[in-house]
């Protein structure tokens, strides 16, 4: 039986992501497994492109920044005093924090992009913000979603205990 990708199916995709010049951005080491049908588990453009596909079929989706990780926002750059960070600080480390002047509940992840003697530059943009991306994927499995998955609006992580 060769199921079709439709609402409330669990889909497995082998994928990779490149920039418009063909530079590999994400090799897709682990397949994406998600609940299909508008549950926001994958980008809507990708979901649209693979709707109706069967196992073995492939699609290529070209996404502008607005369709993917958003435009680059210079307001998400913050410069903080170096003494507010651990001694073993490295470029690429991530910290959770609230943007300047925002609600304390408004946390986001900041990456360290630069370290000077007394200052640290933090960037709250997703590493792929501002990039057009080309997402190439192949459907490798399709199965009906369980009632619990549909109710949850997503698949359970394997390490998550089902609390039914």
C-alpha atoms as a PDB file:
ATOM      1  CA  UNK A   1       0.000   0.000   0.000  1.00  0.00           C
ATOM      2  CA  UNK A   2       1.492   3.287  -1.088  1.00  0.00           C
ATOM      3  CA  UNK A   3      -0.083   6.005   1.046  1.00  0.00           C
ATOM      4  CA  UNK A   4      -0.364   9.578  -0.115  1.00  0.00           C
ATOM      5  CA  UNK A   5       0.745  12.551   1.978  1.00  0.00           C
ATOM      6  CA  UNK A   6      -2.481  14.112   3.268  1.00  0.00           C
ATOM      7  CA  UNK A   7      -3.860  15.730   6.399  1.00  0.00           C
ATOM      8  CA  UNK A   8      -3.236  13.675   9.554  1.00  0.00           C
ATOM      9  CA  UNK A   9      -0.524  11.471   8.092  1.00  0.00           C
ATOM     10  CA  UNK A  10       2.913  11.199   9.684  1.00  0.00           C
ATOM     11  CA  UNK A  11       5.506  11.915   7.020  1.00  0.00           C
ATOM     12  CA  UNK A  12       9.228  11.144   6.994  1.00  0.00           C
ATOM     13  CA  UNK A  13      11.419  13.279   4.737  1.00  0.00           C
ATOM     14  CA  UNK A  14      15.039  12.915   3.746  1.00  0.00           C
ATOM     15  CA  UNK A  15      16.167  16.436   2.972  1.00  0.00           C
ATOM     16  CA  UNK A  16      18.930  18.924   2.469  1.00  0.00           C
ATOM     17  CA  UNK A  17      18.994  22.692   2.367  1.00  0.00           C
ATOM     18  CA  UNK A  18      21.249  24.850   0.212  1.00  0.00           C
ATOM     19  CA  UNK A  19      21.510  28.553  -0.441  1.00  0.00           C
ATOM     20  CA  UNK A  20      20.751  29.850  -3.973  1.00  0.00           C
ATOM     21  CA  UNK A  21      24.417  29.310  -4.937  1.00  0.00           C
ATOM     22  CA  UNK A  22      24.181  25.624  -4.047  1.00  0.00           C
ATOM     23  CA  UNK A  23      26.206  25.931  -0.828  1.00  0.00           C
ATOM     24  CA  UNK A  24      25.028  23.282   1.641  1.00  0.00           C
ATOM     25  CA  UNK A  25      23.361  24.910   4.668  1.00  0.00           C
ATOM     26  CA  UNK A  26      21.892  21.796   6.303  1.00  0.00           C
ATOM     27  CA  UNK A  27      22.865  18.296   5.212  1.00  0.00           C
ATOM     28  CA  UNK A  28      19.751  16.832   6.824  1.00  0.00           C
ATOM     29  CA  UNK A  29      21.653  14.208   8.817  1.00  0.00           C
ATOM     30  CA  UNK A  30      18.434  13.181  10.573  1.00  0.00           C
ATOM     31  CA  UNK A  31      15.215  12.874   8.590  1.00  0.00           C
ATOM     32  CA  UNK A  32      12.303  15.153   9.416  1.00  0.00           C
ATOM     33  CA  UNK A  33       9.321  13.254  10.822  1.00  0.00           C
ATOM     34  CA  UNK A  34       6.200  15.362  11.261  1.00  0.00           C
ATOM     35  CA  UNK A  35       2.402  15.398  11.398  1.00  0.00           C
ATOM     36  CA  UNK A  36       1.093  16.701   8.055  1.00  0.00           C
ATOM     37  CA  UNK A  37      -1.900  18.999   7.826  1.00  0.00           C
ATOM     38  CA  UNK A  38      -1.209  22.535   9.031  1.00  0.00           C
ATOM     39  CA  UNK A  39       0.221  21.758  12.481  1.00  0.00           C
ATOM     40  CA  UNK A  40       3.188  24.135  11.954  1.00  0.00           C
ATOM     41  CA  UNK A  41       5.736  21.320  12.225  1.00  0.00           C
ATOM     42  CA  UNK A  42       7.367  22.297   8.917  1.00  0.00           C
ATOM     43  CA  UNK A  43       7.270  25.438   6.786  1.00  0.00           C
ATOM     44  CA  UNK A  44       3.866  25.822   5.069  1.00  0.00           C
ATOM     45  CA  UNK A  45       5.490  26.026   1.606  1.00  0.00           C
ATOM     46  CA  UNK A  46       7.143  22.642   2.131  1.00  0.00           C
ATOM     47  CA  UNK A  47       3.953  21.087   3.422  1.00  0.00           C
ATOM     48  CA  UNK A  48       2.081  22.442   0.396  1.00  0.00           C
ATOM     49  CA  UNK A  49       4.684  21.096  -2.023  1.00  0.00           C
ATOM     50  CA  UNK A  50       4.614  17.535  -0.691  1.00  0.00           C
ATOM     51  CA  UNK A  51       0.849  17.320  -0.174  1.00  0.00           C
ATOM     52  CA  UNK A  52      -0.419  14.487  -2.384  1.00  0.00           C
ATOM     53  CA  UNK A  53       3.050  12.962  -2.901  1.00  0.00           C
ATOM     54  CA  UNK A  54       3.871   9.296  -2.320  1.00  0.00           C
ATOM     55  CA  UNK A  55       6.917   7.511  -0.909  1.00  0.00           C
ATOM     56  CA  UNK A  56       9.883   7.995  -3.246  1.00  0.00           C
ATOM     57  CA  UNK A  57       8.666  11.281  -4.707  1.00  0.00           C
ATOM     58  CA  UNK A  58      10.828  14.392  -4.325  1.00  0.00           C
ATOM     59  CA  UNK A  59      10.233  18.126  -4.376  1.00  0.00           C
ATOM     60  CA  UNK A  60      12.441  21.199  -4.419  1.00  0.00           C
ATOM     61  CA  UNK A  61      11.089  24.301  -2.710  1.00  0.00           C
ATOM     62  CA  UNK A  62      12.728  27.711  -3.126  1.00  0.00           C
ATOM     63  CA  UNK A  63      11.972  29.881  -0.099  1.00  0.00           C
ATOM     64  CA  UNK A  64      12.577  33.580   0.368  1.00  0.00           C
ATOM     65  CA  UNK A  65      13.630  34.705   3.887  1.00  0.00           C
ATOM     66  CA  UNK A  66      10.022  35.594   4.766  1.00  0.00           C
ATOM     67  CA  UNK A  67       8.976  31.996   3.937  1.00  0.00           C
ATOM     68  CA  UNK A  68      11.800  30.486   6.006  1.00  0.00           C
ATOM     69  CA  UNK A  69      13.553  31.992   9.039  1.00  0.00           C
ATOM     70  CA  UNK A  70      12.530  35.622   8.495  1.00  0.00           C
ATOM     71  CA  UNK A  71      14.408  38.724   7.467  1.00  0.00           C
ATOM     72  CA  UNK A  72      17.564  39.668   9.326  1.00  0.00           C
ATOM     73  CA  UNK A  73      16.665  42.102  12.121  1.00  0.00           C
ATOM     74  CA  UNK A  74      19.490  44.431  13.172  1.00  0.00           C
ATOM     75  CA  UNK A  75      17.499  45.305  16.321  1.00  0.00           C
ATOM     76  CA  UNK A  76      18.217  41.801  17.608  1.00  0.00           C
ATOM     77  CA  UNK A  77      21.933  42.591  17.983  1.00  0.00           C
ATOM     78  CA  UNK A  78      22.899  43.399  21.560  1.00  0.00           C
ATOM     79  CA  UNK A  79      26.221  44.408  23.064  1.00  0.00           C
ATOM     80  CA  UNK A  80      26.597  43.347  26.680  1.00  0.00           C
ATOM     81  CA  UNK A  81      29.366  43.761  29.266  1.00  0.00           C
ATOM     82  CA  UNK A  82      31.811  40.845  29.182  1.00  0.00           C
ATOM     83  CA  UNK A  83      31.680  40.382  32.967  1.00  0.00           C
ATOM     84  CA  UNK A  84      28.058  39.188  32.751  1.00  0.00           C
ATOM     85  CA  UNK A  85      29.135  35.952  31.030  1.00  0.00           C
ATOM     86  CA  UNK A  86      30.925  32.751  32.055  1.00  0.00           C
ATOM     87  CA  UNK A  87      34.709  32.732  31.791  1.00  0.00           C
ATOM     88  CA  UNK A  88      34.740  29.947  29.162  1.00  0.00           C
ATOM     89  CA  UNK A  89      32.828  32.052  26.640  1.00  0.00           C
ATOM     90  CA  UNK A  90      33.163  31.127  22.951  1.00  0.00           C
ATOM     91  CA  UNK A  91      31.746  32.476  19.694  1.00  0.00           C
ATOM     92  CA  UNK A  92      28.743  30.337  18.778  1.00  0.00           C
ATOM     93  CA  UNK A  93      27.594  29.732  22.366  1.00  0.00           C
ATOM     94  CA  UNK A  94      23.914  30.395  22.942  1.00  0.00           C
ATOM     95  CA  UNK A  95      22.135  32.153  25.779  1.00  0.00           C
ATOM     96  CA  UNK A  96      18.507  32.780  26.519  1.00  0.00           C
ATOM     97  CA  UNK A  97      17.569  36.357  27.281  1.00  0.00           C
ATOM     98  CA  UNK A  98      14.943  39.040  26.884  1.00  0.00           C
ATOM     99  CA  UNK A  99      15.563  41.733  24.256  1.00  0.00           C
ATOM    100  CA  UNK A 100      16.274  45.205  25.654  1.00  0.00           C
ATOM    101  CA  UNK A 101      13.122  46.991  26.739  1.00  0.00           C
ATOM    102  CA  UNK A 102      10.885  43.967  26.302  1.00  0.00           C
ATOM    103  CA  UNK A 103       8.679  41.986  28.598  1.00  0.00           C
ATOM    104  CA  UNK A 104      10.566  39.534  30.810  1.00  0.00           C
ATOM    105  CA  UNK A 105       8.458  36.689  29.389  1.00  0.00           C
ATOM    106  CA  UNK A 106       9.674  37.536  25.899  1.00  0.00           C
ATOM    107  CA  UNK A 107      12.739  35.268  25.895  1.00  0.00           C
ATOM    108  CA  UNK A 108      14.698  34.306  22.853  1.00  0.00           C
ATOM    109  CA  UNK A 109      17.961  32.602  22.046  1.00  0.00           C
ATOM    110  CA  UNK A 110      21.014  34.772  21.424  1.00  0.00           C
ATOM    111  CA  UNK A 111      24.212  33.527  19.795  1.00  0.00           C
ATOM    112  CA  UNK A 112      27.579  34.980  20.725  1.00  0.00           C
ATOM    113  CA  UNK A 113      29.014  36.396  17.483  1.00  0.00           C
ATOM    114  CA  UNK A 114      31.967  38.392  18.807  1.00  0.00           C
ATOM    115  CA  UNK A 115      33.955  38.676  22.022  1.00  0.00           C
ATOM    116  CA  UNK A 116      36.091  41.712  22.852  1.00  0.00           C
ATOM    117  CA  UNK A 117      38.060  42.443  26.032  1.00  0.00           C
ATOM    118  CA  UNK A 118      35.101  43.981  27.854  1.00  0.00           C
ATOM    119  CA  UNK A 119      32.115  43.480  25.521  1.00  0.00           C
ATOM    120  CA  UNK A 120      30.187  40.574  24.028  1.00  0.00           C
ATOM    121  CA  UNK A 121      28.122  40.860  20.838  1.00  0.00           C
ATOM    122  CA  UNK A 122      24.945  38.787  20.867  1.00  0.00           C
ATOM    123  CA  UNK A 123      22.702  38.085  17.871  1.00  0.00           C
ATOM    124  CA  UNK A 124      19.078  37.070  18.437  1.00  0.00           C
ATOM    125  CA  UNK A 125      18.469  36.294  14.759  1.00  0.00           C
ATOM    126  CA  UNK A 126      18.160  32.677  13.649  1.00  0.00           C
ATOM    127  CA  UNK A 127      21.489  31.706  12.009  1.00  0.00           C
ATOM    128  CA  UNK A 128      19.630  31.360   8.686  1.00  0.00           C
ATOM    129  CA  UNK A 129      17.645  34.632   8.975  1.00  0.00           C
ATOM    130  CA  UNK A 130      17.827  36.777   5.861  1.00  0.00           C
ATOM    131  CA  UNK A 131      18.760  33.869   3.604  1.00  0.00           C
ATOM    132  CA  UNK A 132      16.836  32.519   0.660  1.00  0.00           C
ATOM    133  CA  UNK A 133      16.915  28.728   0.972  1.00  0.00           C
ATOM    134  CA  UNK A 134      16.405  25.827  -1.384  1.00  0.00           C
ATOM    135  CA  UNK A 135      14.881  22.859   0.404  1.00  0.00           C
ATOM    136  CA  UNK A 136      15.092  19.537  -1.445  1.00  0.00           C
ATOM    137  CA  UNK A 137      13.294  16.588   0.077  1.00  0.00           C
ATOM    138  CA  UNK A 138      12.152  13.063  -0.681  1.00  0.00           C
ATOM    139  CA  UNK A 139       9.210  11.381   1.018  1.00  0.00           C
ATOM    140  CA  UNK A 140      10.595   8.186   2.580  1.00  0.00           C
ATOM    141  CA  UNK A 141       7.592   7.090   4.668  1.00  0.00           C
ATOM    142  CA  UNK A 142       3.921   7.934   5.178  1.00  0.00           C
ATOM    143  CA  UNK A 143       1.631   6.405   7.790  1.00  0.00           C
ATOM    144  CA  UNK A 144      -1.715   7.310   9.332  1.00  0.00           C
ATOM    145  CA  UNK A 145      -1.354   9.422  12.478  1.00  0.00           C
ATOM    146  CA  UNK A 146      -2.659   7.977  15.726  1.00  0.00           C
ATOM    147  CA  UNK A 147      -5.604   9.627  17.474  1.00  0.00           C
ATOM    148  CA  UNK A 148      -3.191  10.776  20.221  1.00  0.00           C
ATOM    149  CA  UNK A 149      -0.891  12.419  17.673  1.00  0.00           C
ATOM    150  CA  UNK A 150      -3.802  14.223  16.034  1.00  0.00           C
ATOM    151  CA  UNK A 151      -5.097  15.366  19.424  1.00  0.00           C
ATOM    152  CA  UNK A 152      -1.608  16.556  20.428  1.00  0.00           C
ATOM    153  CA  UNK A 153      -1.138  18.255  17.049  1.00  0.00           C
ATOM    154  CA  UNK A 154       2.242  16.619  16.521  1.00  0.00           C
ATOM    155  CA  UNK A 155       4.154  13.406  16.896  1.00  0.00           C
ATOM    156  CA  UNK A 156       5.593  12.335  20.227  1.00  0.00           C
ATOM    157  CA  UNK A 157       9.333  12.560  20.642  1.00  0.00           C
ATOM    158  CA  UNK A 158      10.703   9.083  21.190  1.00  0.00           C
ATOM    159  CA  UNK A 159      12.165  10.138  24.537  1.00  0.00           C
ATOM    160  CA  UNK A 160       8.866  11.654  25.683  1.00  0.00           C
ATOM    161  CA  UNK A 161       6.768   9.527  28.019  1.00  0.00           C
ATOM    162  CA  UNK A 162       3.175   9.238  26.879  1.00  0.00           C
ATOM    163  CA  UNK A 163       1.012  10.529  29.671  1.00  0.00           C
ATOM    164  CA  UNK A 164      -2.373   9.218  28.624  1.00  0.00           C
END
